[in-house]
Amino acid sequence: MISTKVTINCPAGLDSKAAALLVQKVSKYSSSIWLEKGERRANAKSLLGLLSLGVERNAAITIITDGEDEKKAADEISEYFTVGF
């Protein structure tokens, strides 16, 4: 299991369009992928779950990956958030 803290660098935060793009991106990994903001955790492969987090710009989140391709998933998702969708 890998936990990575990142800051969201997208003007609109994790809005519906950005969340949909993220779901497409993470669905190619076999690992379980979760996003955590504060006390709340959501499956990154679930659009409704991601939207329920209410992630705004400059919010700090934790990416949690667990599975056979966890390292690759963590690295690519971290870059995705850092660069700004």
PDB file of N, CA and C in Angstrom:
ATOM      1  N   MET A   1       0.847  -1.171   0.000  1.00  0.00           N
ATOM      2  CA  MET A   1       0.000   0.000   0.000  1.00  0.00           C
ATOM      3  C   MET A   1       0.896   1.239   0.000  1.00  0.00           C
ATOM      4  N   ILE A   2       0.547   2.188  -0.859  1.00  0.00           N
ATOM      5  CA  ILE A   2       1.297   3.439  -0.969  1.00  0.00           C
ATOM      6  C   ILE A   2       0.349   4.598  -0.701  1.00  0.00           C
ATOM      7  N   SER A   3       0.779   5.533   0.151  1.00  0.00           N
ATOM      8  CA  SER A   3       0.022   6.759   0.412  1.00  0.00           C
ATOM      9  C   SER A   3       0.858   7.944  -0.048  1.00  0.00           C
ATOM     10  N   THR A   4       0.255   8.814  -0.850  1.00  0.00           N
ATOM     11  CA  THR A   4       0.946   9.974  -1.379  1.00  0.00           C
ATOM     12  C   THR A   4       0.091  11.207  -1.154  1.00  0.00           C
ATOM     13  N   LYS A   5       0.668  12.235  -0.553  1.00  0.00           N
ATOM     14  CA  LYS A   5      -0.061  13.487  -0.345  1.00  0.00           C
ATOM     15  C   LYS A   5       0.231  14.436  -1.507  1.00  0.00           C
ATOM     16  N   VAL A   6      -0.829  15.042  -2.039  1.00  0.00           N
ATOM     17  CA  VAL A   6      -0.691  15.998  -3.136  1.00  0.00           C
ATOM     18  C   VAL A   6      -1.626  17.179  -2.898  1.00  0.00           C
ATOM     19  N   THR A   7      -1.341  18.263  -3.616  1.00  0.00           N
ATOM     20  CA  THR A   7      -2.203  19.438  -3.598  1.00  0.00           C
ATOM     21  C   THR A   7      -2.844  19.569  -4.966  1.00  0.00           C
ATOM     22  N   ILE A   8      -4.139  19.772  -4.998  1.00  0.00           N
ATOM     23  CA  ILE A   8      -4.881  19.897  -6.255  1.00  0.00           C
ATOM     24  C   ILE A   8      -4.519  21.220  -6.911  1.00  0.00           C
ATOM     25  N   ASN A   9      -4.033  21.149  -8.148  1.00  0.00           N
ATOM     26  CA  ASN A   9      -3.593  22.341  -8.870  1.00  0.00           C
ATOM     27  C   ASN A   9      -4.448  22.550 -10.113  1.00  0.00           C
ATOM     28  N   CYS A  10      -5.737  22.609  -9.927  1.00  0.00           N
ATOM     29  CA  CYS A  10      -6.670  22.818 -11.026  1.00  0.00           C
ATOM     30  C   CYS A  10      -7.595  23.958 -10.623  1.00  0.00           C
ATOM     31  N   PRO A  11      -7.807  24.950 -11.508  1.00  0.00           N
ATOM     32  CA  PRO A  11      -8.621  26.114 -11.144  1.00  0.00           C
ATOM     33  C   PRO A  11      -9.977  25.783 -10.553  1.00  0.00           C
ATOM     34  N   ALA A  12     -10.641  24.745 -11.057  1.00  0.00           N
ATOM     35  CA  ALA A  12     -11.982  24.405 -10.575  1.00  0.00           C
ATOM     36  C   ALA A  12     -11.964  23.300  -9.528  1.00  0.00           C
ATOM     37  N   GLY A  13     -10.781  22.888  -9.090  1.00  0.00           N
ATOM     38  CA  GLY A  13     -10.706  21.774  -8.151  1.00  0.00           C
ATOM     39  C   GLY A  13     -11.085  20.485  -8.858  1.00  0.00           C
ATOM     40  N   LEU A  14     -11.667  19.571  -8.126  1.00  0.00           N
ATOM     41  CA  LEU A  14     -12.086  18.293  -8.710  1.00  0.00           C
ATOM     42  C   LEU A  14     -13.578  18.383  -9.028  1.00  0.00           C
ATOM     43  N   ASP A  15     -13.895  19.174 -10.078  1.00  0.00           N
ATOM     44  CA  ASP A  15     -15.290  19.324 -10.492  1.00  0.00           C
ATOM     45  C   ASP A  15     -15.715  18.100 -11.307  1.00  0.00           C
ATOM     46  N   SER A  16     -16.920  18.117 -11.840  1.00  0.00           N
ATOM     47  CA  SER A  16     -17.445  16.923 -12.516  1.00  0.00           C
ATOM     48  C   SER A  16     -16.621  16.522 -13.732  1.00  0.00           C
ATOM     49  N   LYS A  17     -16.147  17.479 -14.504  1.00  0.00           N
ATOM     50  CA  LYS A  17     -15.353  17.143 -15.691  1.00  0.00           C
ATOM     51  C   LYS A  17     -14.012  16.540 -15.282  1.00  0.00           C
ATOM     52  N   ALA A  18     -13.336  17.179 -14.337  1.00  0.00           N
ATOM     53  CA  ALA A  18     -12.043  16.676 -13.873  1.00  0.00           C
ATOM     54  C   ALA A  18     -12.187  15.309 -13.211  1.00  0.00           C
ATOM     55  N   ALA A  19     -13.264  15.119 -12.465  1.00  0.00           N
ATOM     56  CA  ALA A  19     -13.506  13.831 -11.807  1.00  0.00           C
ATOM     57  C   ALA A  19     -13.763  12.736 -12.839  1.00  0.00           C
ATOM     58  N   ALA A  20     -14.521  13.053 -13.888  1.00  0.00           N
ATOM     59  CA  ALA A  20     -14.789  12.070 -14.940  1.00  0.00           C
ATOM     60  C   ALA A  20     -13.497  11.668 -15.650  1.00  0.00           C
ATOM     61  N   LEU A  21     -12.633  12.635 -15.917  1.00  0.00           N
ATOM     62  CA  LEU A  21     -11.343  12.333 -16.546  1.00  0.00           C
ATOM     63  C   LEU A  21     -10.481  11.471 -15.629  1.00  0.00           C
ATOM     64  N   LEU A  22     -10.534  11.762 -14.339  1.00  0.00           N
ATOM     65  CA  LEU A  22      -9.762  10.969 -13.379  1.00  0.00           C
ATOM     66  C   LEU A  22     -10.267   9.531 -13.325  1.00  0.00           C
ATOM     67  N   VAL A  23     -11.576   9.344 -13.320  1.00  0.00           N
ATOM     68  CA  VAL A  23     -12.153   7.993 -13.300  1.00  0.00           C
ATOM     69  C   VAL A  23     -11.684   7.207 -14.524  1.00  0.00           C
ATOM     70  N   GLN A  24     -11.667   7.847 -15.691  1.00  0.00           N
ATOM     71  CA  GLN A  24     -11.172   7.179 -16.898  1.00  0.00           C
ATOM     72  C   GLN A  24      -9.710   6.783 -16.728  1.00  0.00           C
ATOM     73  N   LYS A  25      -8.915   7.675 -16.163  1.00  0.00           N
ATOM     74  CA  LYS A  25      -7.486   7.420 -15.998  1.00  0.00           C
ATOM     75  C   LYS A  25      -7.223   6.283 -15.018  1.00  0.00           C
ATOM     76  N   VAL A  26      -7.889   6.282 -13.876  1.00  0.00           N
ATOM     77  CA  VAL A  26      -7.601   5.276 -12.849  1.00  0.00           C
ATOM     78  C   VAL A  26      -8.235   3.913 -13.153  1.00  0.00           C
ATOM     79  N   SER A  27      -9.216   3.881 -14.035  1.00  0.00           N
ATOM     80  CA  SER A  27      -9.875   2.614 -14.345  1.00  0.00           C
ATOM     81  C   SER A  27      -8.961   1.629 -15.059  1.00  0.00           C
ATOM     82  N   LYS A  28      -7.863   2.103 -15.626  1.00  0.00           N
ATOM     83  CA  LYS A  28      -6.947   1.200 -16.331  1.00  0.00           C
ATOM     84  C   LYS A  28      -6.027   0.425 -15.377  1.00  0.00           C
ATOM     85  N   TYR A  29      -6.015   0.804 -14.101  1.00  0.00           N
ATOM     86  CA  TYR A  29      -5.166   0.122 -13.124  1.00  0.00           C
ATOM     87  C   TYR A  29      -5.942  -0.986 -12.422  1.00  0.00           C
ATOM     88  N   SER A  30      -5.244  -2.065 -12.131  1.00  0.00           N
ATOM     89  CA  SER A  30      -5.895  -3.164 -11.414  1.00  0.00           C
ATOM     90  C   SER A  30      -5.894  -2.921  -9.903  1.00  0.00           C
ATOM     91  N   SER A  31      -5.046  -2.025  -9.439  1.00  0.00           N
ATOM     92  CA  SER A  31      -4.962  -1.712  -8.006  1.00  0.00           C
ATOM     93  C   SER A  31      -6.221  -1.008  -7.515  1.00  0.00           C
ATOM     94  N   SER A  32      -6.461  -1.124  -6.220  1.00  0.00           N
ATOM     95  CA  SER A  32      -7.500  -0.321  -5.578  1.00  0.00           C
ATOM     96  C   SER A  32      -6.923   1.071  -5.380  1.00  0.00           C
ATOM     97  N   ILE A  33      -7.697   2.094  -5.711  1.00  0.00           N
ATOM     98  CA  ILE A  33      -7.223   3.469  -5.610  1.00  0.00           C
ATOM     99  C   ILE A  33      -8.278   4.282  -4.875  1.00  0.00           C
ATOM    100  N   TRP A  34      -7.834   4.959  -3.823  1.00  0.00           N
ATOM    101  CA  TRP A  34      -8.721   5.767  -2.990  1.00  0.00           C
ATOM    102  C   TRP A  34      -8.169   7.175  -2.887  1.00  0.00           C
ATOM    103  N   LEU A  35      -9.054   8.156  -2.782  1.00  0.00           N
ATOM    104  CA  LEU A  35      -8.661   9.522  -2.471  1.00  0.00           C
ATOM    105  C   LEU A  35      -9.223   9.858  -1.103  1.00  0.00           C
ATOM    106  N   GLU A  36      -8.418  10.533  -0.318  1.00  0.00           N
ATOM    107  CA  GLU A  36      -8.822  10.869   1.037  1.00  0.00           C
ATOM    108  C   GLU A  36      -8.642  12.372   1.246  1.00  0.00           C
ATOM    109  N   LYS A  37      -9.682  13.011   1.754  1.00  0.00           N
ATOM    110  CA  LYS A  37      -9.640  14.432   2.096  1.00  0.00           C
ATOM    111  C   LYS A  37     -10.198  14.563   3.500  1.00  0.00           C
ATOM    112  N   GLY A  38      -9.333  14.928   4.417  1.00  0.00           N
ATOM    113  CA  GLY A  38      -9.754  15.002   5.814  1.00  0.00           C
ATOM    114  C   GLY A  38     -10.143  13.625   6.317  1.00  0.00           C
ATOM    115  N   GLU A  39     -11.326  13.524   6.853  1.00  0.00           N
ATOM    116  CA  GLU A  39     -11.824  12.256   7.398  1.00  0.00           C
ATOM    117  C   GLU A  39     -12.557  11.407   6.356  1.00  0.00           C
ATOM    118  N   ARG A  40     -12.750  11.958   5.158  1.00  0.00           N
ATOM    119  CA  ARG A  40     -13.544  11.273   4.134  1.00  0.00           C
ATOM    120  C   ARG A  40     -12.651  10.556   3.131  1.00  0.00           C
ATOM    121  N   ARG A  41     -13.091   9.392   2.677  1.00  0.00           N
ATOM    122  CA  ARG A  41     -12.362   8.593   1.701  1.00  0.00           C
ATOM    123  C   ARG A  41     -13.338   8.143   0.617  1.00  0.00           C
ATOM    124  N   ALA A  42     -12.874   8.191  -0.650  1.00  0.00           N
ATOM    125  CA  ALA A  42     -13.721   7.763  -1.766  1.00  0.00           C
ATOM    126  C   ALA A  42     -12.921   6.910  -2.736  1.00  0.00           C
ATOM    127  N   ASN A  43     -13.607   5.961  -3.345  1.00  0.00           N
ATOM    128  CA  ASN A  43     -13.019   5.133  -4.378  1.00  0.00           C
ATOM    129  C   ASN A  43     -12.791   6.014  -5.602  1.00  0.00           C
ATOM    130  N   ALA A  44     -11.545   6.066  -6.092  1.00  0.00           N
ATOM    131  CA  ALA A  44     -11.222   6.924  -7.234  1.00  0.00           C
ATOM    132  C   ALA A  44     -11.812   6.410  -8.539  1.00  0.00           C
ATOM    133  N   LYS A  45     -12.372   5.212  -8.539  1.00  0.00           N
ATOM    134  CA  LYS A  45     -13.007   4.668  -9.735  1.00  0.00           C
ATOM    135  C   LYS A  45     -14.507   4.952  -9.748  1.00  0.00           C
ATOM    136  N   SER A  46     -14.981   5.733  -8.773  1.00  0.00           N
ATOM    137  CA  SER A  46     -16.399   6.068  -8.651  1.00  0.00           C
ATOM    138  C   SER A  46     -16.594   7.577  -8.800  1.00  0.00           C
ATOM    139  N   LEU A  47     -17.284   7.980  -9.849  1.00  0.00           N
ATOM    140  CA  LEU A  47     -17.531   9.397 -10.093  1.00  0.00           C
ATOM    141  C   LEU A  47     -18.281  10.044  -8.930  1.00  0.00           C
ATOM    142  N   LEU A  48     -19.353   9.411  -8.484  1.00  0.00           N
ATOM    143  CA  LEU A  48     -20.125   9.981  -7.373  1.00  0.00           C
ATOM    144  C   LEU A  48     -19.301  10.052  -6.092  1.00  0.00           C
ATOM    145  N   GLY A  49     -18.477   9.044  -5.870  1.00  0.00           N
ATOM    146  CA  GLY A  49     -17.613   9.053  -4.693  1.00  0.00           C
ATOM    147  C   GLY A  49     -16.656  10.234  -4.712  1.00  0.00           C
ATOM    148  N   LEU A  50     -16.044  10.474  -5.869  1.00  0.00           N
ATOM    149  CA  LEU A  50     -15.106  11.595  -5.989  1.00  0.00           C
ATOM    150  C   LEU A  50     -15.811  12.932  -5.786  1.00  0.00           C
ATOM    151  N   LEU A  51     -16.972  13.083  -6.401  1.00  0.00           N
ATOM    152  CA  LEU A  51     -17.703  14.344  -6.271  1.00  0.00           C
ATOM    153  C   LEU A  51     -18.147  14.589  -4.832  1.00  0.00           C
ATOM    154  N   SER A  52     -18.407  13.521  -4.089  1.00  0.00           N
ATOM    155  CA  SER A  52     -18.853  13.669  -2.699  1.00  0.00           C
ATOM    156  C   SER A  52     -17.757  14.235  -1.792  1.00  0.00           C
ATOM    157  N   LEU A  53     -16.512  14.161  -2.230  1.00  0.00           N
ATOM    158  CA  LEU A  53     -15.414  14.702  -1.420  1.00  0.00           C
ATOM    159  C   LEU A  53     -15.397  16.230  -1.414  1.00  0.00           C
ATOM    160  N   GLY A  54     -15.912  16.851  -2.471  1.00  0.00           N
ATOM    161  CA  GLY A  54     -15.919  18.312  -2.542  1.00  0.00           C
ATOM    162  C   GLY A  54     -14.519  18.899  -2.543  1.00  0.00           C
ATOM    163  N   VAL A  55     -13.665  18.416  -3.420  1.00  0.00           N
ATOM    164  CA  VAL A  55     -12.272  18.861  -3.463  1.00  0.00           C
ATOM    165  C   VAL A  55     -12.155  20.154  -4.253  1.00  0.00           C
ATOM    166  N   GLU A  56     -11.687  21.200  -3.594  1.00  0.00           N
ATOM    167  CA  GLU A  56     -11.518  22.493  -4.231  1.00  0.00           C
ATOM    168  C   GLU A  56     -10.040  22.729  -4.574  1.00  0.00           C
ATOM    169  N   ARG A  57      -9.772  23.806  -5.302  1.00  0.00           N
ATOM    170  CA  ARG A  57      -8.401  24.140  -5.688  1.00  0.00           C
ATOM    171  C   ARG A  57      -7.530  24.318  -4.444  1.00  0.00           C
ATOM    172  N   ASN A  58      -6.294  23.880  -4.545  1.00  0.00           N
ATOM    173  CA  ASN A  58      -5.283  23.957  -3.480  1.00  0.00           C
ATOM    174  C   ASN A  58      -5.608  23.093  -2.265  1.00  0.00           C
ATOM    175  N   ALA A  59      -6.572  22.205  -2.399  1.00  0.00           N
ATOM    176  CA  ALA A  59      -6.886  21.285  -1.307  1.00  0.00           C
ATOM    177  C   ALA A  59      -5.799  20.209  -1.235  1.00  0.00           C
ATOM    178  N   ALA A  60      -5.478  19.803  -0.031  1.00  0.00           N
ATOM    179  CA  ALA A  60      -4.521  18.713   0.175  1.00  0.00           C
ATOM    180  C   ALA A  60      -5.292  17.408   0.274  1.00  0.00           C
ATOM    181  N   ILE A  61      -4.913  16.441  -0.546  1.00  0.00           N
ATOM    182  CA  ILE A  61      -5.554  15.125  -0.515  1.00  0.00           C
ATOM    183  C   ILE A  61      -4.483  14.049  -0.426  1.00  0.00           C
ATOM    184  N   THR A  62      -4.898  12.865  -0.072  1.00  0.00           N
ATOM    185  CA  THR A  62      -4.004  11.714  -0.028  1.00  0.00           C
ATOM    186  C   THR A  62      -4.495  10.687  -1.037  1.00  0.00           C
ATOM    187  N   ILE A  63      -3.569  10.209  -1.862  1.00  0.00           N
ATOM    188  CA  ILE A  63      -3.863   9.148  -2.820  1.00  0.00           C
ATOM    189  C   ILE A  63      -3.382   7.849  -2.189  1.00  0.00           C
ATOM    190  N   ILE A  64      -4.258   6.866  -2.113  1.00  0.00           N
ATOM    191  CA  ILE A  64      -3.903   5.565  -1.530  1.00  0.00           C
ATOM    192  C   ILE A  64      -4.076   4.513  -2.618  1.00  0.00           C
ATOM    193  N   THR A  65      -2.984   3.813  -2.918  1.00  0.00           N
ATOM    194  CA  THR A  65      -3.035   2.756  -3.924  1.00  0.00           C
ATOM    195  C   THR A  65      -2.611   1.442  -3.284  1.00  0.00           C
ATOM    196  N   ASP A  66      -3.258   0.362  -3.697  1.00  0.00           N
ATOM    197  CA  ASP A  66      -2.948  -0.946  -3.147  1.00  0.00           C
ATOM    198  C   ASP A  66      -3.200  -2.010  -4.215  1.00  0.00           C
ATOM    199  N   GLY A  67      -2.138  -2.700  -4.626  1.00  0.00           N
ATOM    200  CA  GLY A  67      -2.283  -3.742  -5.636  1.00  0.00           C
ATOM    201  C   GLY A  67      -1.008  -3.939  -6.420  1.00  0.00           C
ATOM    202  N   GLU A  68      -1.090  -4.720  -7.466  1.00  0.00           N
ATOM    203  CA  GLU A  68       0.115  -5.097  -8.202  1.00  0.00           C
ATOM    204  C   GLU A  68       0.755  -3.946  -8.970  1.00  0.00           C
ATOM    205  N   ASP A  69      -0.012  -2.947  -9.399  1.00  0.00           N
ATOM    206  CA  ASP A  69       0.569  -1.804 -10.106  1.00  0.00           C
ATOM    207  C   ASP A  69       0.453  -0.511  -9.290  1.00  0.00           C
ATOM    208  N   GLU A  70       0.507  -0.653  -7.971  1.00  0.00           N
ATOM    209  CA  GLU A  70       0.291   0.486  -7.074  1.00  0.00           C
ATOM    210  C   GLU A  70       1.313   1.604  -7.258  1.00  0.00           C
ATOM    211  N   LYS A  71       2.581   1.268  -7.480  1.00  0.00           N
ATOM    212  CA  LYS A  71       3.629   2.288  -7.631  1.00  0.00           C
ATOM    213  C   LYS A  71       3.382   3.123  -8.878  1.00  0.00           C
ATOM    214  N   LYS A  72       3.129   2.459 -10.003  1.00  0.00           N
ATOM    215  CA  LYS A  72       2.871   3.170 -11.255  1.00  0.00           C
ATOM    216  C   LYS A  72       1.620   4.039 -11.130  1.00  0.00           C
ATOM    217  N   ALA A  73       0.580   3.507 -10.531  1.00  0.00           N
ATOM    218  CA  ALA A  73      -0.668   4.256 -10.358  1.00  0.00           C
ATOM    219  C   ALA A  73      -0.440   5.485  -9.483  1.00  0.00           C
ATOM    220  N   ALA A  74       0.243   5.325  -8.368  1.00  0.00           N
ATOM    221  CA  ALA A  74       0.493   6.440  -7.456  1.00  0.00           C
ATOM    222  C   ALA A  74       1.293   7.539  -8.144  1.00  0.00           C
ATOM    223  N   ASP A  75       2.330   7.153  -8.885  1.00  0.00           N
ATOM    224  CA  ASP A  75       3.172   8.138  -9.569  1.00  0.00           C
ATOM    225  C   ASP A  75       2.398   8.906 -10.628  1.00  0.00           C
ATOM    226  N   GLU A  76       1.645   8.196 -11.455  1.00  0.00           N
ATOM    227  CA  GLU A  76       0.925   8.855 -12.543  1.00  0.00           C
ATOM    228  C   GLU A  76      -0.224   9.720 -12.050  1.00  0.00           C
ATOM    229  N   ILE A  77      -0.922   9.288 -11.020  1.00  0.00           N
ATOM    230  CA  ILE A  77      -2.028  10.086 -10.487  1.00  0.00           C
ATOM    231  C   ILE A  77      -1.496  11.324  -9.767  1.00  0.00           C
ATOM    232  N   SER A  78      -0.398  11.180  -9.041  1.00  0.00           N
ATOM    233  CA  SER A  78       0.222  12.337  -8.385  1.00  0.00           C
ATOM    234  C   SER A  78       0.626  13.383  -9.408  1.00  0.00           C
ATOM    235  N   GLU A  79       1.222  12.944 -10.505  1.00  0.00           N
ATOM    236  CA  GLU A  79       1.626  13.862 -11.561  1.00  0.00           C
ATOM    237  C   GLU A  79       0.405  14.544 -12.178  1.00  0.00           C
ATOM    238  N   TYR A  80      -0.655  13.778 -12.367  1.00  0.00           N
ATOM    239  CA  TYR A  80      -1.895  14.300 -12.934  1.00  0.00           C
ATOM    240  C   TYR A  80      -2.442  15.454 -12.086  1.00  0.00           C
ATOM    241  N   PHE A  81      -2.432  15.287 -10.775  1.00  0.00           N
ATOM    242  CA  PHE A  81      -2.915  16.338  -9.885  1.00  0.00           C
ATOM    243  C   PHE A  81      -1.953  17.516  -9.808  1.00  0.00           C
ATOM    244  N   THR A  82      -0.666  17.259  -9.795  1.00  0.00           N
ATOM    245  CA  THR A  82       0.328  18.306  -9.658  1.00  0.00           C
ATOM    246  C   THR A  82       0.386  19.206 -10.893  1.00  0.00           C
ATOM    247  N   VAL A  83       0.329  18.597 -12.075  1.00  0.00           N
ATOM    248  CA  VAL A  83       0.392  19.346 -13.316  1.00  0.00           C
ATOM    249  C   VAL A  83      -0.901  20.138 -13.541  1.00  0.00           C
ATOM    250  N   GLY A  84      -1.990  19.590 -13.120  1.00  0.00           N
ATOM    251  CA  GLY A  84      -3.274  20.286 -13.242  1.00  0.00           C
ATOM    252  C   GLY A  84      -4.110  19.795 -14.399  1.00  0.00           C
ATOM    253  N   PHE A  85      -4.524  18.558 -14.367  1.00  0.00           N
ATOM    254  CA  PHE A  85      -5.433  17.914 -15.324  1.00  0.00           C
ATOM    255  C   PHE A  85      -5.160  18.349 -16.743  1.00  0.00           C
TER     256      PHE A  85
END
